[in-house]
Amino acid sequence: MMSFFDEKPAHLTLADGLQLAYHRSSGALPGVVFLGGFTSDMTGIKACALERWCRKRNRAFLRFDYSGHGASGGKFAEGTIGRWSQDVLAVLDRLTEGPQILVGSSMGAWLMLLTALARPDRIAGLLGLACAVDFTEYLLWERLDETLRERLHRERVIRLPSPYGEPYIIAWDLIEEAKQHRLLDQPKLPITCPVRLIHGMNDTDVPWRISLQVAERLTGSDVRLILLKDGEHTLSREQDLVVLTHTLQDLLEGC
């Protein structure tokens, strides 16, 4: 018997002709939209676990691939934070209706904050996992030595080893364009919806204090930071998923 995870994705055609692949299930509102991380796709453990959880509860759910990711069109090396942020807005505007809770993982948590700033009336809550706000600076640029920086500037695109499998593709345009979307440079982030941030204290990619800095800047009062002392960056262990779904349930009950 075919599982819903075996279904082929639908596609949303953007104004420039590029297509974004997505899976959507109907149900009660607020709906849940999952935003994946840098180089990740919508077939990951957290995305599929959340879809299964939402389907069991008849909760509307959507997962998708950014341009240049997974089953979507486009070239990864041409992606930027601004471009992927526009992908999220297109999906939110055209594939969902009513209030939504955004669940953002790593880079997806940066994009969920940008989305909440752009569409405050559509967002019922935010749930960030290993929030990688401004990661292009401290996770990419600052980890390059002078030789690699010069090579990146010259070649525009370089590939670096990744502990998660395929090499990281780092583009000069990604680093430069991201400066327009930095959030930690701002003293306040005018986001007032409920926000939950989950971060592992054993995260060797994105320090848990990044989530703390985000929490401090949010203007809303309903903000909670949940630290998992033994949690790592992916937050995909069974015990991590339990914390994730319990936290999502808490958000939904408050809507």
C-alpha atoms as a PDB file:
ATOM      1  CA  MET A   1       0.000   0.000   0.000  1.00  0.00           C
ATOM      2  CA  MET A   2       1.454   3.373  -1.016  1.00  0.00           C
ATOM      3  CA  SER A   3       2.177   5.800   1.793  1.00  0.00           C
ATOM      4  CA  PHE A   4       1.422   9.491   1.371  1.00  0.00           C
ATOM      5  CA  PHE A   5       5.198   9.989   1.590  1.00  0.00           C
ATOM      6  CA  ASP A   6       5.476   8.142  -1.738  1.00  0.00           C
ATOM      7  CA  GLU A   7       3.194  10.597  -3.509  1.00  0.00           C
ATOM      8  CA  LYS A   8       4.749  12.803  -6.152  1.00  0.00           C
ATOM      9  CA  PRO A   9       4.947  16.482  -5.170  1.00  0.00           C
ATOM     10  CA  ALA A  10       2.782  19.172  -6.707  1.00  0.00           C
ATOM     11  CA  HIS A  11       4.437  22.255  -8.195  1.00  0.00           C
ATOM     12  CA  LEU A  12       3.865  25.976  -7.808  1.00  0.00           C
ATOM     13  CA  THR A  13       4.964  28.039 -10.801  1.00  0.00           C
ATOM     14  CA  LEU A  14       6.488  31.387  -9.878  1.00  0.00           C
ATOM     15  CA  ALA A  15       6.418  34.584 -11.932  1.00  0.00           C
ATOM     16  CA  ASP A  16       9.816  33.811 -13.480  1.00  0.00           C
ATOM     17  CA  GLY A  17       8.684  30.329 -14.544  1.00  0.00           C
ATOM     18  CA  LEU A  18      10.603  28.473 -11.867  1.00  0.00           C
ATOM     19  CA  GLN A  19       8.655  25.734 -10.104  1.00  0.00           C
ATOM     20  CA  LEU A  20       8.641  24.971  -6.391  1.00  0.00           C
ATOM     21  CA  ALA A  21       7.817  21.400  -5.367  1.00  0.00           C
ATOM     22  CA  TYR A  22       5.500  20.930  -2.389  1.00  0.00           C
ATOM     23  CA  HIS A  23       3.271  18.544  -0.463  1.00  0.00           C
ATOM     24  CA  ARG A  24       0.112  19.910   1.089  1.00  0.00           C
ATOM     25  CA  SER A  25      -2.570  18.305   3.236  1.00  0.00           C
ATOM     26  CA  SER A  26      -5.822  19.969   4.195  1.00  0.00           C
ATOM     27  CA  GLY A  27      -7.195  20.299   7.688  1.00  0.00           C
ATOM     28  CA  ALA A  28      -7.994  22.628  10.538  1.00  0.00           C
ATOM     29  CA  LEU A  29      -6.481  26.068  11.011  1.00  0.00           C
ATOM     30  CA  PRO A  30      -4.071  27.407  12.029  1.00  0.00           C
ATOM     31  CA  GLY A  31      -2.129  25.423   9.490  1.00  0.00           C
ATOM     32  CA  VAL A  32       1.508  24.419   9.867  1.00  0.00           C
ATOM     33  CA  VAL A  33       4.192  25.260   7.306  1.00  0.00           C
ATOM     34  CA  PHE A  34       7.637  23.662   7.590  1.00  0.00           C
ATOM     35  CA  LEU A  35      10.685  25.614   6.429  1.00  0.00           C
ATOM     36  CA  GLY A  36      13.794  23.504   5.970  1.00  0.00           C
ATOM     37  CA  GLY A  37      17.441  24.338   6.413  1.00  0.00           C
ATOM     38  CA  PHE A  38      20.337  25.267   4.137  1.00  0.00           C
ATOM     39  CA  THR A  39      20.782  22.475   1.525  1.00  0.00           C
ATOM     40  CA  SER A  40      17.985  20.431   3.156  1.00  0.00           C
ATOM     41  CA  ASP A  41      14.810  19.292   1.430  1.00  0.00           C
ATOM     42  CA  MET A  42      11.252  18.469   2.383  1.00  0.00           C
ATOM     43  CA  THR A  43      11.903  14.728   2.711  1.00  0.00           C
ATOM     44  CA  GLY A  44      13.864  15.150   5.955  1.00  0.00           C
ATOM     45  CA  ILE A  45      13.003  13.497   9.258  1.00  0.00           C
ATOM     46  CA  LYS A  46      11.476  16.578  10.920  1.00  0.00           C
ATOM     47  CA  ALA A  47       9.354  17.581   7.909  1.00  0.00           C
ATOM     48  CA  CYS A  48       7.896  14.107   7.481  1.00  0.00           C
ATOM     49  CA  ALA A  49       7.377  13.584  11.210  1.00  0.00           C
ATOM     50  CA  LEU A  50       5.447  16.850  11.413  1.00  0.00           C
ATOM     51  CA  GLU A  51       3.300  15.944   8.426  1.00  0.00           C
ATOM     52  CA  ARG A  52       2.462  12.586   9.995  1.00  0.00           C
ATOM     53  CA  TRP A  53       1.629  14.321  13.287  1.00  0.00           C
ATOM     54  CA  CYS A  54      -0.579  16.935  11.600  1.00  0.00           C
ATOM     55  CA  ARG A  55      -2.426  14.392   9.469  1.00  0.00           C
ATOM     56  CA  LYS A  56      -3.309  12.326  12.533  1.00  0.00           C
ATOM     57  CA  ARG A  57      -4.865  15.446  14.054  1.00  0.00           C
ATOM     58  CA  ASN A  58      -6.535  16.716  10.870  1.00  0.00           C
ATOM     59  CA  ARG A  59      -4.296  19.787  10.939  1.00  0.00           C
ATOM     60  CA  ALA A  60      -3.472  21.586   7.660  1.00  0.00           C
ATOM     61  CA  PHE A  61       0.191  21.099   6.779  1.00  0.00           C
ATOM     62  CA  LEU A  62       2.589  22.168   4.033  1.00  0.00           C
ATOM     63  CA  ARG A  63       6.214  21.280   3.295  1.00  0.00           C
ATOM     64  CA  PHE A  64       8.136  22.415   0.238  1.00  0.00           C
ATOM     65  CA  ASP A  65      11.566  22.834  -1.321  1.00  0.00           C
ATOM     66  CA  TYR A  66      13.142  26.239  -1.844  1.00  0.00           C
ATOM     67  CA  SER A  67      14.457  27.028  -5.307  1.00  0.00           C
ATOM     68  CA  GLY A  68      17.628  25.063  -5.986  1.00  0.00           C
ATOM     69  CA  HIS A  69      16.728  22.557  -3.285  1.00  0.00           C
ATOM     70  CA  GLY A  70      15.329  19.033  -3.551  1.00  0.00           C
ATOM     71  CA  ALA A  71      12.665  18.588  -6.223  1.00  0.00           C
ATOM     72  CA  SER A  72      12.266  22.301  -6.990  1.00  0.00           C
ATOM     73  CA  GLY A  73      13.701  24.004 -10.046  1.00  0.00           C
ATOM     74  CA  GLY A  74      16.602  26.424 -10.117  1.00  0.00           C
ATOM     75  CA  LYS A  75      20.306  26.213  -9.319  1.00  0.00           C
ATOM     76  CA  PHE A  76      21.383  26.098  -5.700  1.00  0.00           C
ATOM     77  CA  ALA A  77      24.436  28.296  -6.354  1.00  0.00           C
ATOM     78  CA  GLU A  78      22.118  31.074  -7.575  1.00  0.00           C
ATOM     79  CA  GLY A  79      20.093  31.085  -4.356  1.00  0.00           C
ATOM     80  CA  THR A  80      20.190  33.880  -1.796  1.00  0.00           C
ATOM     81  CA  ILE A  81      18.433  34.605   1.472  1.00  0.00           C
ATOM     82  CA  GLY A  82      16.290  37.154  -0.341  1.00  0.00           C
ATOM     83  CA  ARG A  83      15.333  34.670  -3.052  1.00  0.00           C
ATOM     84  CA  TRP A  84      14.461  31.917  -0.594  1.00  0.00           C
ATOM     85  CA  SER A  85      12.534  34.407   1.512  1.00  0.00           C
ATOM     86  CA  GLN A  86      10.477  35.277  -1.561  1.00  0.00           C
ATOM     87  CA  ASP A  87       9.871  31.557  -2.109  1.00  0.00           C
ATOM     88  CA  VAL A  88       8.376  31.338   1.385  1.00  0.00           C
ATOM     89  CA  LEU A  89       6.142  34.344   0.763  1.00  0.00           C
ATOM     90  CA  ALA A  90       4.934  32.874  -2.536  1.00  0.00           C
ATOM     91  CA  VAL A  91       4.069  29.587  -0.845  1.00  0.00           C
ATOM     92  CA  LEU A  92       2.353  31.346   2.055  1.00  0.00           C
ATOM     93  CA  ASP A  93       0.369  33.680  -0.203  1.00  0.00           C
ATOM     94  CA  ARG A  94      -0.667  31.181  -2.863  1.00  0.00           C
ATOM     95  CA  LEU A  95      -0.847  27.786  -1.172  1.00  0.00           C
ATOM     96  CA  THR A  96      -2.258  28.596   2.267  1.00  0.00           C
ATOM     97  CA  GLU A  97      -5.143  30.563   3.687  1.00  0.00           C
ATOM     98  CA  GLY A  98      -5.896  31.874   7.125  1.00  0.00           C
ATOM     99  CA  PRO A  99      -3.513  31.854  10.077  1.00  0.00           C
ATOM    100  CA  GLN A 100      -0.380  29.730   9.911  1.00  0.00           C
ATOM    101  CA  ILE A 101       2.290  28.536  12.322  1.00  0.00           C
ATOM    102  CA  LEU A 102       5.728  28.498  10.737  1.00  0.00           C
ATOM    103  CA  VAL A 103       8.183  25.838  11.884  1.00  0.00           C
ATOM    104  CA  GLY A 104      11.666  26.824  10.742  1.00  0.00           C
ATOM    105  CA  SER A 105      14.736  24.623  11.018  1.00  0.00           C
ATOM    106  CA  SER A 106      18.205  26.242  11.025  1.00  0.00           C
ATOM    107  CA  MET A 107      18.166  28.613   8.022  1.00  0.00           C
ATOM    108  CA  GLY A 108      14.405  28.063   7.915  1.00  0.00           C
ATOM    109  CA  ALA A 109      14.137  29.791  11.298  1.00  0.00           C
ATOM    110  CA  TRP A 110      15.812  32.878   9.804  1.00  0.00           C
ATOM    111  CA  LEU A 111      13.340  32.777   6.925  1.00  0.00           C
ATOM    112  CA  MET A 112      10.366  32.327   9.272  1.00  0.00           C
ATOM    113  CA  LEU A 113      11.338  35.516  11.121  1.00  0.00           C
ATOM    114  CA  LEU A 114      11.666  37.431   7.838  1.00  0.00           C
ATOM    115  CA  THR A 115       8.260  36.090   6.816  1.00  0.00           C
ATOM    116  CA  ALA A 116       6.675  37.143  10.104  1.00  0.00           C
ATOM    117  CA  LEU A 117       8.036  40.643   9.586  1.00  0.00           C
ATOM    118  CA  ALA A 118       6.632  40.747   6.037  1.00  0.00           C
ATOM    119  CA  ARG A 119       3.237  39.097   6.734  1.00  0.00           C
ATOM    120  CA  PRO A 120       2.410  39.696  10.410  1.00  0.00           C
ATOM    121  CA  ASP A 121      -1.333  39.303   9.846  1.00  0.00           C
ATOM    122  CA  ARG A 122      -0.893  35.759   8.515  1.00  0.00           C
ATOM    123  CA  ILE A 123       1.312  34.344  11.241  1.00  0.00           C
ATOM    124  CA  ALA A 124      -0.294  32.778  14.330  1.00  0.00           C
ATOM    125  CA  GLY A 125       2.985  31.599  15.826  1.00  0.00           C
ATOM    126  CA  LEU A 126       6.615  30.690  15.169  1.00  0.00           C
ATOM    127  CA  LEU A 127       8.588  27.622  16.189  1.00  0.00           C
ATOM    128  CA  GLY A 128      12.323  27.819  15.503  1.00  0.00           C
ATOM    129  CA  LEU A 129      14.691  24.852  15.657  1.00  0.00           C
ATOM    130  CA  ALA A 130      18.430  25.541  15.979  1.00  0.00           C
ATOM    131  CA  CYS A 131      17.741  29.076  14.792  1.00  0.00           C
ATOM    132  CA  ALA A 132      20.472  30.071  12.338  1.00  0.00           C
ATOM    133  CA  VAL A 133      19.724  33.774  11.961  1.00  0.00           C
ATOM    134  CA  ASP A 134      22.542  35.551  10.096  1.00  0.00           C
ATOM    135  CA  PHE A 135      24.408  32.243   9.649  1.00  0.00           C
ATOM    136  CA  THR A 136      26.054  33.385   6.421  1.00  0.00           C
ATOM    137  CA  GLU A 137      28.328  35.562   8.543  1.00  0.00           C
ATOM    138  CA  TYR A 138      29.439  33.398  11.468  1.00  0.00           C
ATOM    139  CA  LEU A 139      28.907  29.930   9.953  1.00  0.00           C
ATOM    140  CA  LEU A 140      30.198  30.600   6.437  1.00  0.00           C
ATOM    141  CA  TRP A 141      32.216  33.810   6.007  1.00  0.00           C
ATOM    142  CA  GLU A 142      33.984  33.868   9.378  1.00  0.00           C
ATOM    143  CA  ARG A 143      35.044  30.236   9.003  1.00  0.00           C
ATOM    144  CA  LEU A 144      36.852  30.921   5.740  1.00  0.00           C
ATOM    145  CA  ASP A 145      40.530  31.771   5.968  1.00  0.00           C
ATOM    146  CA  GLU A 146      41.950  34.569   3.842  1.00  0.00           C
ATOM    147  CA  THR A 147      42.912  32.198   1.038  1.00  0.00           C
ATOM    148  CA  LEU A 148      39.387  30.784   0.766  1.00  0.00           C
ATOM    149  CA  ARG A 149      37.860  34.256   0.950  1.00  0.00           C
ATOM    150  CA  GLU A 150      40.015  35.415  -1.929  1.00  0.00           C
ATOM    151  CA  ARG A 151      39.168  32.270  -3.881  1.00  0.00           C
ATOM    152  CA  LEU A 152      35.436  32.764  -3.240  1.00  0.00           C
ATOM    153  CA  HIS A 153      35.639  36.373  -4.413  1.00  0.00           C
ATOM    154  CA  ARG A 154      37.520  35.313  -7.530  1.00  0.00           C
ATOM    155  CA  GLU A 155      35.580  32.159  -8.460  1.00  0.00           C
ATOM    156  CA  ARG A 156      32.181  33.313  -7.074  1.00  0.00           C
ATOM    157  CA  VAL A 157      31.311  29.750  -6.022  1.00  0.00           C
ATOM    158  CA  ILE A 158      33.335  27.238  -3.983  1.00  0.00           C
ATOM    159  CA  ARG A 159      32.604  23.822  -2.467  1.00  0.00           C
ATOM    160  CA  LEU A 160      33.526  22.908   1.088  1.00  0.00           C
ATOM    161  CA  PRO A 161      33.260  19.588   2.980  1.00  0.00           C
ATOM    162  CA  SER A 162      30.108  19.080   5.023  1.00  0.00           C
ATOM    163  CA  PRO A 163      29.585  16.693   7.945  1.00  0.00           C
ATOM    164  CA  TYR A 164      26.085  16.030   6.586  1.00  0.00           C
ATOM    165  CA  GLY A 165      27.088  14.417   3.286  1.00  0.00           C
ATOM    166  CA  GLU A 166      27.189  16.483   0.095  1.00  0.00           C
ATOM    167  CA  PRO A 167      29.692  19.374   0.083  1.00  0.00           C
ATOM    168  CA  TYR A 168      28.487  22.851   0.980  1.00  0.00           C
ATOM    169  CA  ILE A 169      28.218  25.065  -2.070  1.00  0.00           C
ATOM    170  CA  ILE A 170      29.128  28.597  -0.983  1.00  0.00           C
ATOM    171  CA  ALA A 171      28.369  31.464  -3.362  1.00  0.00           C
ATOM    172  CA  TRP A 172      29.721  35.000  -3.137  1.00  0.00           C
ATOM    173  CA  ASP A 173      26.273  36.394  -3.955  1.00  0.00           C
ATOM    174  CA  LEU A 174      24.775  34.449  -1.029  1.00  0.00           C
ATOM    175  CA  ILE A 175      27.221  36.015   1.418  1.00  0.00           C
ATOM    176  CA  GLU A 176      26.872  39.543   0.055  1.00  0.00           C
ATOM    177  CA  GLU A 177      23.095  39.582  -0.453  1.00  0.00           C
ATOM    178  CA  ALA A 178      22.472  38.196   3.037  1.00  0.00           C
ATOM    179  CA  LYS A 179      23.794  41.414   4.556  1.00  0.00           C
ATOM    180  CA  GLN A 180      20.488  43.046   3.582  1.00  0.00           C
ATOM    181  CA  HIS A 181      18.545  40.592   5.741  1.00  0.00           C
ATOM    182  CA  ARG A 182      20.573  40.466   8.952  1.00  0.00           C
ATOM    183  CA  LEU A 183      18.443  40.537  12.065  1.00  0.00           C
ATOM    184  CA  LEU A 184      20.945  40.442  14.913  1.00  0.00           C
ATOM    185  CA  ASP A 185      22.168  43.900  13.904  1.00  0.00           C
ATOM    186  CA  GLN A 186      18.754  45.244  14.898  1.00  0.00           C
ATOM    187  CA  PRO A 187      18.040  46.121  18.557  1.00  0.00           C
ATOM    188  CA  LYS A 188      14.384  45.094  18.241  1.00  0.00           C
ATOM    189  CA  LEU A 189      12.426  42.697  16.055  1.00  0.00           C
ATOM    190  CA  PRO A 190       8.765  43.818  15.910  1.00  0.00           C
ATOM    191  CA  ILE A 191       7.250  40.341  16.073  1.00  0.00           C
ATOM    192  CA  THR A 192       4.456  39.976  18.622  1.00  0.00           C
ATOM    193  CA  CYS A 193       3.001  36.522  17.890  1.00  0.00           C
ATOM    194  CA  PRO A 194       3.863  33.609  20.210  1.00  0.00           C
ATOM    195  CA  VAL A 195       7.383  32.310  19.545  1.00  0.00           C
ATOM    196  CA  ARG A 196       9.077  29.117  20.687  1.00  0.00           C
ATOM    197  CA  LEU A 197      12.773  28.506  20.068  1.00  0.00           C
ATOM    198  CA  ILE A 198      14.318  25.069  20.606  1.00  0.00           C
ATOM    199  CA  HIS A 199      18.102  24.746  20.536  1.00  0.00           C
ATOM    200  CA  GLY A 200      20.573  22.017  21.421  1.00  0.00           C
ATOM    201  CA  MET A 201      23.429  23.026  23.682  1.00  0.00           C
ATOM    202  CA  ASN A 202      25.663  20.525  21.851  1.00  0.00           C
ATOM    203  CA  ASP A 203      25.023  22.269  18.532  1.00  0.00           C
ATOM    204  CA  THR A 204      28.494  22.663  16.998  1.00  0.00           C
ATOM    205  CA  ASP A 205      27.190  24.546  13.949  1.00  0.00           C
ATOM    206  CA  VAL A 206      24.953  27.266  15.361  1.00  0.00           C
ATOM    207  CA  PRO A 207      25.614  28.310  18.980  1.00  0.00           C
ATOM    208  CA  TRP A 208      22.522  28.126  21.193  1.00  0.00           C
ATOM    209  CA  ARG A 209      23.158  31.728  22.227  1.00  0.00           C
ATOM    210  CA  ILE A 210      21.956  32.777  18.757  1.00  0.00           C
ATOM    211  CA  SER A 211      18.452  31.716  19.802  1.00  0.00           C
ATOM    212  CA  LEU A 212      18.894  33.637  23.039  1.00  0.00           C
ATOM    213  CA  GLN A 213      19.851  36.773  21.111  1.00  0.00           C
ATOM    214  CA  VAL A 214      16.752  36.395  18.936  1.00  0.00           C
ATOM    215  CA  ALA A 215      14.521  35.941  21.991  1.00  0.00           C
ATOM    216  CA  GLU A 216      15.962  39.078  23.569  1.00  0.00           C
ATOM    217  CA  ARG A 217      15.171  41.157  20.468  1.00  0.00           C
ATOM    218  CA  LEU A 218      11.591  40.024  19.914  1.00  0.00           C
ATOM    219  CA  THR A 219       9.098  42.660  21.046  1.00  0.00           C
ATOM    220  CA  GLY A 220       6.388  40.145  21.936  1.00  0.00           C
ATOM    221  CA  SER A 221       6.126  38.866  25.490  1.00  0.00           C
ATOM    222  CA  ASP A 222       5.022  35.288  24.706  1.00  0.00           C
ATOM    223  CA  VAL A 223       8.505  33.981  23.901  1.00  0.00           C
ATOM    224  CA  ARG A 224      10.084  30.805  25.268  1.00  0.00           C
ATOM    225  CA  LEU A 225      13.565  29.398  24.699  1.00  0.00           C
ATOM    226  CA  ILE A 226      13.867  25.648  25.244  1.00  0.00           C
ATOM    227  CA  LEU A 227      17.425  24.342  25.617  1.00  0.00           C
ATOM    228  CA  LEU A 228      18.214  20.648  25.184  1.00  0.00           C
ATOM    229  CA  LYS A 229      21.506  20.037  26.963  1.00  0.00           C
ATOM    230  CA  ASP A 230      22.396  16.991  24.866  1.00  0.00           C
ATOM    231  CA  GLY A 231      20.758  18.225  21.664  1.00  0.00           C
ATOM    232  CA  GLU A 232      22.781  18.661  18.474  1.00  0.00           C
ATOM    233  CA  HIS A 233      22.102  20.769  15.389  1.00  0.00           C
ATOM    234  CA  THR A 234      19.731  18.493  13.486  1.00  0.00           C
ATOM    235  CA  LEU A 235      17.331  17.916  16.409  1.00  0.00           C
ATOM    236  CA  SER A 236      16.078  14.790  14.648  1.00  0.00           C
ATOM    237  CA  ARG A 237      16.348  12.192  17.398  1.00  0.00           C
ATOM    238  CA  GLU A 238      13.148  10.632  18.679  1.00  0.00           C
ATOM    239  CA  GLN A 239      13.370  12.613  21.921  1.00  0.00           C
ATOM    240  CA  ASP A 240      13.904  15.811  19.945  1.00  0.00           C
ATOM    241  CA  LEU A 241      10.799  15.121  17.864  1.00  0.00           C
ATOM    242  CA  VAL A 242       8.790  14.609  21.061  1.00  0.00           C
ATOM    243  CA  VAL A 243       9.849  18.049  22.300  1.00  0.00           C
ATOM    244  CA  LEU A 244       9.062  19.504  18.860  1.00  0.00           C
ATOM    245  CA  THR A 245       5.529  18.104  18.665  1.00  0.00           C
ATOM    246  CA  HIS A 246       4.730  18.903  22.299  1.00  0.00           C
ATOM    247  CA  THR A 247       5.847  22.477  21.722  1.00  0.00           C
ATOM    248  CA  LEU A 248       3.796  22.725  18.545  1.00  0.00           C
ATOM    249  CA  GLN A 249       0.754  21.384  20.411  1.00  0.00           C
ATOM    250  CA  ASP A 250       1.277  24.071  23.053  1.00  0.00           C
ATOM    251  CA  LEU A 251       1.347  26.756  20.374  1.00  0.00           C
ATOM    252  CA  LEU A 252      -1.794  25.431  18.712  1.00  0.00           C
ATOM    253  CA  GLU A 253      -3.692  25.283  21.995  1.00  0.00           C
ATOM    254  CA  GLY A 254      -2.882  28.932  22.563  1.00  0.00           C
ATOM    255  CA  CYS A 255      -4.294  30.043  19.193  1.00  0.00           C
END
